[in-house]
Protein backbone atom coordinates (compact mmCIF):
# COMPACT_ATOMS: atom_id res chain seq x y z
CA MET A 1 21.25 65.31 5.93
CA LYS A 2 21.78 63.15 2.87
CA ILE A 3 19.04 61.92 0.53
CA VAL A 4 16.37 59.37 1.43
CA ASP A 5 15.43 57.27 -1.61
CA ILE A 6 11.87 56.38 -0.67
CA HIS A 7 11.27 53.82 -3.44
CA THR A 8 13.79 51.38 -4.86
CA HIS A 9 13.78 47.72 -5.92
CA LEU A 10 17.26 46.72 -4.81
CA SER A 11 16.09 43.23 -3.87
CA SER A 12 14.98 42.54 -7.45
CA GLU A 13 16.89 40.19 -9.73
CA GLU A 14 18.29 43.10 -11.75
CA PHE A 15 20.78 43.65 -8.91
CA ASN A 16 21.76 40.02 -8.36
CA ASP A 17 25.22 40.49 -9.88
CA ASP A 18 26.30 43.60 -7.98
CA ARG A 19 23.80 44.35 -5.21
CA GLU A 20 26.36 45.08 -2.50
CA ALA A 21 28.35 47.35 -4.79
CA ALA A 22 25.15 49.17 -5.78
CA ILE A 23 24.31 49.69 -2.12
CA GLN A 24 27.72 51.15 -1.42
CA ARG A 25 27.38 53.49 -4.38
CA ALA A 26 23.93 54.50 -3.12
CA LEU A 27 25.28 55.44 0.28
CA VAL A 28 27.38 58.21 -1.23
CA PRO A 29 24.40 60.52 -1.87
CA CYS A 30 21.87 58.65 0.29
CA GLU A 31 21.57 57.98 4.00
CA ALA A 32 18.54 55.66 3.81
CA LEU A 33 16.75 53.54 1.21
CA ILE A 34 13.29 51.94 1.17
CA ASP A 35 13.15 48.66 -0.71
CA ILE A 36 9.72 47.78 -2.11
CA GLY A 37 8.53 44.29 -1.18
CA SER A 38 5.40 43.83 -3.28
CA GLY A 39 4.11 41.11 -5.56
CA THR A 40 2.54 37.67 -5.34
CA SER A 41 5.78 35.75 -4.92
CA GLU A 42 6.52 34.99 -1.28
CA GLU A 43 10.18 35.28 -2.15
CA ALA A 44 9.75 38.92 -3.21
CA HIS A 45 8.54 39.88 0.27
CA ARG A 46 11.15 37.79 2.01
CA ARG A 47 14.03 39.11 -0.10
CA SER A 48 13.03 42.66 0.72
CA ARG A 49 12.81 41.92 4.42
CA GLN A 50 16.14 40.09 4.43
CA LEU A 51 17.83 42.98 2.65
CA ALA A 52 16.55 45.41 5.29
CA GLU A 53 17.59 43.09 8.11
CA SER A 54 21.13 42.85 6.75
CA HIS A 55 21.71 46.59 6.19
CA SER A 56 21.07 49.27 8.79
CA SER A 57 20.48 51.90 6.08
CA ILE A 58 17.71 49.93 4.31
CA TYR A 59 14.03 49.65 5.24
CA PHE A 60 11.26 47.83 3.41
CA THR A 61 7.56 47.71 2.56
CA SER A 62 5.11 44.86 2.14
CA GLY A 63 2.11 44.72 -0.16
CA ILE A 64 0.64 43.74 -3.52
CA HIS A 65 1.26 45.69 -6.73
CA PRO A 66 -1.90 46.25 -8.81
CA HIS A 67 -0.36 44.23 -11.65
CA ASP A 68 -0.48 41.18 -9.37
CA ALA A 69 -3.90 41.70 -7.82
CA SER A 70 -5.66 38.89 -9.69
CA SER A 71 -3.08 36.34 -8.49
CA LEU A 72 -3.68 37.01 -4.81
CA GLY A 73 -6.84 34.87 -4.66
CA SER A 74 -4.87 31.72 -5.45
CA GLN A 75 -2.49 32.32 -2.53
CA PRO A 76 -4.60 32.64 0.64
CA LYS A 77 -1.60 32.42 2.96
CA LEU A 78 0.06 35.40 1.30
CA ARG A 79 -2.40 37.87 2.82
CA GLU A 80 -1.48 36.55 6.25
CA GLU A 81 2.22 36.79 5.51
CA ILE A 82 1.94 40.38 4.27
CA ALA A 83 -0.02 41.35 7.38
CA SER A 84 2.62 39.74 9.59
CA PHE A 85 5.49 41.49 7.79
CA LEU A 86 3.87 44.86 8.51
CA LYS A 87 4.65 44.27 12.20
CA HIS A 88 8.39 44.07 11.49
CA GLU A 89 10.38 46.90 13.06
CA LYS A 90 11.88 47.87 9.69
CA CYS A 91 8.70 47.62 7.60
CA VAL A 92 7.76 51.26 7.09
CA ALA A 93 4.77 51.20 4.71
CA VAL A 94 2.05 49.17 2.99
CA GLY A 95 2.54 48.70 -0.73
CA GLU A 96 3.22 49.58 -3.32
CA ALA A 97 -0.54 49.37 -3.68
CA GLY A 98 -3.01 51.00 -6.02
CA LEU A 99 -4.58 50.86 -9.46
CA ASP A 100 -3.05 50.58 -12.91
CA TYR A 101 -5.52 50.88 -15.80
CA TYR A 102 -2.77 51.62 -18.32
CA TYR A 103 -1.49 48.04 -18.50
CA ASP A 104 -4.51 46.28 -16.95
CA HIS A 105 -2.34 43.25 -16.11
CA SER A 106 -5.05 42.39 -13.60
CA PRO A 107 -8.77 43.01 -14.19
CA ARG A 108 -10.06 46.14 -12.52
CA GLU A 109 -12.37 44.43 -10.04
CA PRO A 110 -9.58 42.52 -8.24
CA GLN A 111 -7.38 45.62 -8.44
CA LEU A 112 -10.02 47.60 -6.56
CA GLU A 113 -10.56 44.83 -4.00
CA VAL A 114 -6.86 44.40 -3.28
CA PHE A 115 -6.26 48.15 -3.09
CA ASN A 116 -9.09 48.62 -0.59
CA TRP A 117 -7.78 45.67 1.43
CA GLN A 118 -4.37 47.36 1.65
CA ILE A 119 -5.93 50.71 2.57
CA ASN A 120 -7.51 48.91 5.51
CA LEU A 121 -4.16 47.31 6.39
CA ALA A 122 -2.61 50.77 6.52
CA LYS A 123 -5.38 51.93 8.84
CA GLU A 124 -5.11 48.90 11.12
CA ASN A 125 -1.33 49.08 11.39
CA GLU A 126 -1.08 52.88 11.43
CA LEU A 127 1.39 52.73 8.55
CA PRO A 128 1.75 54.96 5.50
CA LEU A 129 0.38 53.79 2.18
CA MET A 130 2.77 53.67 -0.79
CA ILE A 131 0.48 54.36 -3.75
CA HIS A 132 0.93 53.37 -7.38
CA THR A 133 -1.66 54.85 -9.76
CA ARG A 134 -1.67 55.09 -13.54
CA ASP A 135 -4.60 56.06 -15.75
CA ALA A 136 -6.91 55.44 -12.79
CA GLU A 137 -7.13 58.80 -11.06
CA ASP A 138 -10.89 58.93 -10.45
CA ASP A 139 -11.09 55.47 -8.91
CA THR A 140 -7.92 56.09 -6.91
CA MET A 141 -9.37 59.26 -5.39
CA GLU A 142 -12.69 57.51 -4.71
CA CYS A 143 -10.91 54.72 -2.82
CA LEU A 144 -8.91 57.23 -0.77
CA LYS A 145 -11.55 59.89 -0.08
CA ASP A 146 -12.26 58.61 3.45
CA PHE A 147 -8.69 57.52 4.26
CA GLU A 148 -7.32 59.69 7.06
CA GLY A 149 -3.89 58.11 7.39
CA LYS A 150 -0.55 58.92 5.83
CA ALA A 151 0.22 58.23 2.18
CA VAL A 152 2.54 59.02 -0.70
CA PHE A 153 1.88 58.93 -4.43
CA HIS A 154 5.10 57.35 -5.62
CA CYS A 155 6.72 58.12 -9.00
CA PHE A 156 4.12 60.79 -9.62
CA THR A 157 3.09 61.36 -13.23
CA GLY A 158 -0.51 62.40 -12.62
CA SER A 159 -2.59 65.48 -13.23
CA GLN A 160 -2.78 68.72 -11.29
CA LYS A 161 -6.20 67.53 -10.09
CA LEU A 162 -4.67 64.43 -8.50
CA ALA A 163 -1.84 66.47 -6.99
CA ASP A 164 -4.34 68.92 -5.49
CA PHE A 165 -6.32 66.01 -4.06
CA ALA A 166 -3.17 64.59 -2.47
CA ILE A 167 -2.25 67.90 -0.87
CA SER A 168 -5.81 68.39 0.41
CA LYS A 169 -5.50 65.04 2.19
CA GLY A 170 -2.10 65.87 3.65
CA PHE A 171 -0.45 63.21 1.50
CA TYR A 172 3.04 63.38 0.02
CA ILE A 173 4.05 63.30 -3.64
CA SER A 174 7.28 61.64 -4.74
CA PHE A 175 9.22 62.45 -7.90
CA SER A 176 11.49 60.13 -9.84
CA GLY A 177 13.90 60.59 -12.73
CA ILE A 178 10.93 61.20 -15.02
CA VAL A 179 10.90 64.83 -13.87
CA THR A 180 14.28 65.31 -15.61
CA PHE A 181 13.05 64.05 -19.00
CA LYS A 182 12.87 66.59 -21.82
CA LYS A 183 9.15 66.09 -22.46
CA ALA A 184 8.11 66.27 -18.79
CA ASP A 185 7.20 69.96 -18.77
CA GLU A 186 3.69 69.35 -17.40
CA LEU A 187 5.08 67.25 -14.57
CA ARG A 188 7.58 69.97 -13.71
CA GLN A 189 4.72 72.48 -13.54
CA VAL A 190 2.89 70.23 -11.09
CA PHE A 191 6.03 70.02 -8.97
CA LEU A 192 6.36 73.81 -8.96
CA SER A 193 2.80 74.11 -7.66
CA LEU A 194 3.47 71.99 -4.58
CA PRO A 195 4.55 73.05 -1.11
CA LEU A 196 8.00 71.66 -0.32
CA GLU A 197 6.58 70.18 2.88
CA ASN A 198 4.79 67.55 0.76
CA VAL A 199 7.58 66.59 -1.63
CA LEU A 200 9.66 63.40 -1.62
CA ILE A 201 12.23 61.95 -4.02
CA GLU A 202 12.93 58.44 -5.30
CA THR A 203 14.60 56.42 -8.03
CA ASP A 204 12.16 53.52 -8.58
CA SER A 205 15.35 51.74 -9.59
CA PRO A 206 16.18 49.74 -11.64
CA TYR A 207 13.72 51.74 -13.76
CA LEU A 208 13.58 55.35 -14.99
CA ALA A 209 17.19 56.51 -14.81
CA PRO A 210 17.30 60.33 -14.88
CA ASP A 211 18.93 62.44 -17.53
CA PRO A 212 21.86 62.38 -18.29
CA LEU A 213 21.85 58.61 -17.58
CA ARG A 214 18.55 57.75 -19.26
CA GLY A 215 18.58 54.27 -20.79
CA LYS A 216 20.91 52.78 -18.20
CA ARG A 217 19.84 50.52 -15.36
CA ASN A 218 18.83 52.97 -12.67
CA GLU A 219 20.21 52.80 -9.16
CA SER A 220 19.97 54.87 -6.02
CA ALA A 221 23.34 56.53 -6.63
CA PHE A 222 21.76 58.31 -9.62
CA ILE A 223 19.21 60.09 -7.43
CA ILE A 224 21.53 63.08 -7.10
CA HIS A 225 20.67 64.12 -10.68
CA THR A 226 16.96 64.24 -9.85
CA ALA A 227 17.64 66.14 -6.64
CA GLU A 228 19.74 68.72 -8.50
CA ARG A 229 16.98 69.28 -11.05
CA LEU A 230 14.24 69.64 -8.44
CA ALA A 231 16.32 72.04 -6.36
CA ALA A 232 17.03 74.18 -9.43
CA LEU A 233 13.34 74.29 -10.36
CA LYS A 234 12.52 75.74 -6.94
CA SER A 235 15.59 78.02 -7.00
CA LEU A 236 16.97 76.30 -3.91
CA GLN A 237 20.45 75.30 -2.91
CA LEU A 238 20.85 71.53 -3.35
CA GLN A 239 21.43 70.94 0.36
CA GLU A 240 18.34 72.95 1.25
CA PHE A 241 16.20 70.75 -0.96
CA ILE A 242 17.79 67.56 0.38
CA ASP A 243 17.24 68.62 3.99
CA GLN A 244 13.59 69.36 3.30
CA SER A 245 12.81 66.19 1.35
CA SER A 246 14.67 63.93 3.78
CA GLY A 247 12.96 65.56 6.74
CA ASN A 248 9.65 64.93 4.99
CA ALA A 249 10.58 61.26 4.55
CA TYR A 250 11.27 60.81 8.24
CA ARG A 251 7.99 62.48 9.12
CA LEU A 252 6.06 60.21 6.79
CA PHE A 253 7.87 56.95 7.54
CA ASP A 254 8.10 57.42 11.27
CA LYS A 255 9.50 53.92 11.93
CA MET A 256 12.68 55.09 10.21
CA LYS A 257 15.37 56.61 12.39
CA PRO A 258 17.24 59.67 11.08
CA CYS A 259 20.95 59.61 10.46
CA ARG A 260 23.13 60.79 13.30
CA SER A 261 26.90 61.19 13.24
CA GLY A 262 27.13 59.72 9.76
CA THR A 263 25.42 56.38 10.49
CA ILE A 264 21.91 55.06 10.34
CA GLN A 265 20.59 53.85 13.64
CA ALA A 266 19.33 50.26 13.27
């Protein structure tokens, strides 16, 4: 297997000048990419879907980021559109959805309402939940305590308590380039505590480029640096770590089809 980048924003405007070239670079270390279609712009969801429809190696999600939660009330048709996109054969998850009390771009009450709405969407559609949480661990766990579906905490930077909660629920935890940063020792300790069966890997591009490329626009091709660091932390051969994390991705996102004979099955 090659790497599955479970969280990227290739459809965002940061890639408008070289998107196709970035995709081709990504497909050197990666065999599949999940583009995140979340926000309150209808175009964001549609761009993500169109990108997945035009590339056999790309899948997508649909949902509302917590930053945008307060804007959802002014767009009643958007809820219907998101729900309809979840039926698409290449839509593999709801989200990214969750709570962000660090920036508080939306008040907390609409964040909680929109997050719970998306939790219910995941239940109804039997899809995984792509979770974003920052400085909101207690409320996040409270919202998810009765959720029995599949989920992943993307770009994990949380506490050991949150990681233990995720594992107790059978959720997955995904690591980005942050885990390579010099001051991320606590995050690396959390990673070391986890069973490999619950670990995923992502770029969250165009953000959070890993060392030694920190400060550059991130892209999926850079994920190899994060994979090398995570494998070394667990004293694994790189290919062993890739096989495990990619296998985990296909188990979580079961609408995705694993690579066979060097191509992704559309």
